[in-house]
Amino acid sequence: MNDEERRRAKDDFGQAVNMTAKELGDWLETDESKSVGEGAGESKGHRSGRWIVDILCTPSGDLEQGDYEHMREVTGYVRRHLAQQPSGDVSRTRWRYSLMNWGHDPLKR
């Protein structure tokens, strides 16, 4: 990934992730966060959230190739998931909880 691709990945990630490292870290400790996702054990979204916290806490100069690749994955997930917004009040939905595991709270302005 060249410098321009890394810059774009970081910019897109910054737009997709609207939770701070503390907000996301606190969220990941909740039962609601742990209640969404597929499979036994920790879900992919929950693992992603922990990685997002790490990325948010890492100085840009210390980010590695894998971090930038994850930023792209996060951006894609958030965009796809937002396009599937259910109707009605989403405040206590699995849809919102899943997005929040990926660092985006759709109710946050």
C-alpha atoms as a PDB file:
ATOM      1  CA  MET A   1       0.000   0.000   0.000  1.00  0.00           C
ATOM      2  CA  ASN A   2       1.505   3.328  -1.011  1.00  0.00           C
ATOM      3  CA  ASP A   3       1.331   6.604   0.946  1.00  0.00           C
ATOM      4  CA  GLU A   4      -1.766   7.834  -0.910  1.00  0.00           C
ATOM      5  CA  GLU A   5      -3.615   4.565  -0.265  1.00  0.00           C
ATOM      6  CA  ARG A   6      -2.693   4.702   3.428  1.00  0.00           C
ATOM      7  CA  ARG A   7      -3.886   8.324   3.650  1.00  0.00           C
ATOM      8  CA  ARG A   8      -7.188   7.468   1.996  1.00  0.00           C
ATOM      9  CA  ALA A   9      -7.669   4.399   4.233  1.00  0.00           C
ATOM     10  CA  LYS A  10      -7.063   6.532   7.329  1.00  0.00           C
ATOM     11  CA  ASP A  11      -9.400   9.322   6.129  1.00  0.00           C
ATOM     12  CA  ASP A  12     -12.192   6.879   5.250  1.00  0.00           C
ATOM     13  CA  PHE A  13     -11.709   5.088   8.576  1.00  0.00           C
ATOM     14  CA  GLY A  14     -11.939   8.429  10.395  1.00  0.00           C
ATOM     15  CA  GLN A  15     -15.291   9.070   8.764  1.00  0.00           C
ATOM     16  CA  ALA A  16     -16.645   5.571   9.424  1.00  0.00           C
ATOM     17  CA  VAL A  17     -15.530   5.288  13.055  1.00  0.00           C
ATOM     18  CA  ASN A  18     -17.339   7.903  15.120  1.00  0.00           C
ATOM     19  CA  MET A  19     -16.636   6.455  18.564  1.00  0.00           C
ATOM     20  CA  THR A  20     -13.579   7.357  20.610  1.00  0.00           C
ATOM     21  CA  ALA A  21     -11.210   4.672  21.851  1.00  0.00           C
ATOM     22  CA  LYS A  22     -12.676   5.049  25.349  1.00  0.00           C
ATOM     23  CA  GLU A  23     -16.283   4.907  24.149  1.00  0.00           C
ATOM     24  CA  LEU A  24     -15.580   1.808  22.083  1.00  0.00           C
ATOM     25  CA  GLY A  25     -13.516   0.146  24.804  1.00  0.00           C
ATOM     26  CA  ASP A  26     -16.284   0.730  27.357  1.00  0.00           C
ATOM     27  CA  TRP A  27     -18.924  -0.515  24.883  1.00  0.00           C
ATOM     28  CA  LEU A  28     -16.999  -3.735  24.209  1.00  0.00           C
ATOM     29  CA  GLU A  29     -17.281  -4.610  27.921  1.00  0.00           C
ATOM     30  CA  THR A  30     -21.103  -4.589  27.845  1.00  0.00           C
ATOM     31  CA  ASP A  31     -23.372  -7.608  27.573  1.00  0.00           C
ATOM     32  CA  GLU A  32     -25.075  -5.974  24.574  1.00  0.00           C
ATOM     33  CA  SER A  33     -21.777  -5.828  22.701  1.00  0.00           C
ATOM     34  CA  LYS A  34     -21.069  -9.469  23.435  1.00  0.00           C
ATOM     35  CA  SER A  35     -24.597 -10.508  22.429  1.00  0.00           C
ATOM     36  CA  VAL A  36     -24.185  -9.903  18.696  1.00  0.00           C
ATOM     37  CA  GLY A  37     -22.204 -11.791  16.100  1.00  0.00           C
ATOM     38  CA  GLU A  38     -22.009 -15.349  14.933  1.00  0.00           C
ATOM     39  CA  GLY A  39     -20.089 -18.362  16.131  1.00  0.00           C
ATOM     40  CA  ALA A  40     -18.865 -19.623  19.426  1.00  0.00           C
ATOM     41  CA  GLY A  41     -16.600 -17.449  21.514  1.00  0.00           C
ATOM     42  CA  GLU A  42     -15.708 -13.917  20.582  1.00  0.00           C
ATOM     43  CA  SER A  43     -17.400 -12.664  17.404  1.00  0.00           C
ATOM     44  CA  LYS A  44     -15.509 -11.200  14.467  1.00  0.00           C
ATOM     45  CA  GLY A  45     -17.071  -7.788  15.154  1.00  0.00           C
ATOM     46  CA  HIS A  46     -15.984  -7.850  18.784  1.00  0.00           C
ATOM     47  CA  ARG A  47     -12.396  -8.750  17.791  1.00  0.00           C
ATOM     48  CA  SER A  48     -12.537  -5.973  15.211  1.00  0.00           C
ATOM     49  CA  GLY A  49     -13.596  -3.517  17.894  1.00  0.00           C
ATOM     50  CA  ARG A  50     -10.586  -4.369  20.034  1.00  0.00           C
ATOM     51  CA  TRP A  51      -8.323  -3.834  17.016  1.00  0.00           C
ATOM     52  CA  ILE A  52     -10.027  -0.507  16.275  1.00  0.00           C
ATOM     53  CA  VAL A  53      -9.303   0.631  19.837  1.00  0.00           C
ATOM     54  CA  ASP A  54      -5.640  -0.258  19.274  1.00  0.00           C
ATOM     55  CA  ILE A  55      -5.566   1.649  15.973  1.00  0.00           C
ATOM     56  CA  LEU A  56      -7.161   4.717  17.567  1.00  0.00           C
ATOM     57  CA  CYS A  57      -4.531   4.666  20.334  1.00  0.00           C
ATOM     58  CA  THR A  58      -1.559   4.186  17.991  1.00  0.00           C
ATOM     59  CA  PRO A  59       0.321   7.156  16.549  1.00  0.00           C
ATOM     60  CA  SER A  60      -0.071   7.281  12.757  1.00  0.00           C
ATOM     61  CA  GLY A  61       3.640   6.746  12.202  1.00  0.00           C
ATOM     62  CA  ASP A  62       3.498   3.471  14.132  1.00  0.00           C
ATOM     63  CA  LEU A  63       0.601   1.912  12.200  1.00  0.00           C
ATOM     64  CA  GLU A  64       1.471  -1.218  10.225  1.00  0.00           C
ATOM     65  CA  GLN A  65       0.241  -2.591   6.904  1.00  0.00           C
ATOM     66  CA  GLY A  66      -2.270  -4.856   8.659  1.00  0.00           C
ATOM     67  CA  ASP A  67      -3.722  -1.871  10.509  1.00  0.00           C
ATOM     68  CA  TYR A  68      -4.394  -0.059   7.234  1.00  0.00           C
ATOM     69  CA  GLU A  69      -5.952  -3.185   5.753  1.00  0.00           C
ATOM     70  CA  HIS A  70      -8.200  -3.451   8.793  1.00  0.00           C
ATOM     71  CA  MET A  71      -9.172   0.206   8.412  1.00  0.00           C
ATOM     72  CA  ARG A  72     -10.383  -0.606   4.898  1.00  0.00           C
ATOM     73  CA  GLU A  73     -12.328  -3.611   6.172  1.00  0.00           C
ATOM     74  CA  VAL A  74     -13.963  -1.487   8.890  1.00  0.00           C
ATOM     75  CA  THR A  75     -14.928   1.230   6.414  1.00  0.00           C
ATOM     76  CA  GLY A  76     -16.491  -1.310   4.062  1.00  0.00           C
ATOM     77  CA  TYR A  77     -18.407  -3.014   6.861  1.00  0.00           C
ATOM     78  CA  VAL A  78     -19.794   0.244   8.226  1.00  0.00           C
ATOM     79  CA  ARG A  79     -20.878   1.439   4.784  1.00  0.00           C
ATOM     80  CA  ARG A  80     -22.580  -1.865   3.926  1.00  0.00           C
ATOM     81  CA  HIS A  81     -24.269  -2.161   7.300  1.00  0.00           C
ATOM     82  CA  LEU A  82     -25.557   1.431   7.276  1.00  0.00           C
ATOM     83  CA  ALA A  83     -27.225   0.727   3.936  1.00  0.00           C
ATOM     84  CA  GLN A  84     -29.252  -2.028   5.659  1.00  0.00           C
ATOM     85  CA  GLN A  85     -30.761   0.187   8.363  1.00  0.00           C
ATOM     86  CA  PRO A  86     -34.067  -1.214   9.620  1.00  0.00           C
ATOM     87  CA  SER A  87     -37.085   1.029   9.981  1.00  0.00           C
ATOM     88  CA  GLY A  88     -38.225   2.366  13.304  1.00  0.00           C
ATOM     89  CA  ASP A  89     -36.353   2.956  16.520  1.00  0.00           C
ATOM     90  CA  VAL A  90     -32.934   1.324  16.227  1.00  0.00           C
ATOM     91  CA  SER A  91     -31.608   2.283  19.659  1.00  0.00           C
ATOM     92  CA  ARG A  92     -31.808  -1.262  21.109  1.00  0.00           C
ATOM     93  CA  THR A  93     -31.307  -3.360  18.001  1.00  0.00           C
ATOM     94  CA  ARG A  94     -28.760  -5.976  17.068  1.00  0.00           C
ATOM     95  CA  TRP A  95     -28.145  -3.846  13.947  1.00  0.00           C
ATOM     96  CA  ARG A  96     -26.941  -0.910  16.048  1.00  0.00           C
ATOM     97  CA  TYR A  97     -25.010  -3.108  18.471  1.00  0.00           C
ATOM     98  CA  SER A  98     -23.172  -4.768  15.609  1.00  0.00           C
ATOM     99  CA  LEU A  99     -22.232  -1.412  14.097  1.00  0.00           C
ATOM    100  CA  MET A 100     -21.033  -0.200  17.473  1.00  0.00           C
ATOM    101  CA  ASN A 101     -18.717  -3.223  17.742  1.00  0.00           C
ATOM    102  CA  TRP A 102     -17.144  -1.886  14.536  1.00  0.00           C
ATOM    103  CA  GLY A 103     -16.743   1.604  16.024  1.00  0.00           C
ATOM    104  CA  HIS A 104     -19.796   3.344  14.575  1.00  0.00           C
ATOM    105  CA  ASP A 105     -22.776   4.434  16.657  1.00  0.00           C
ATOM    106  CA  PRO A 106     -25.535   5.386  14.206  1.00  0.00           C
ATOM    107  CA  LEU A 107     -27.271   7.443  16.901  1.00  0.00           C
ATOM    108  CA  LYS A 108     -24.214   9.591  17.600  1.00  0.00           C
ATOM    109  CA  ARG A 109     -24.170  12.970  15.914  1.00  0.00           C
END
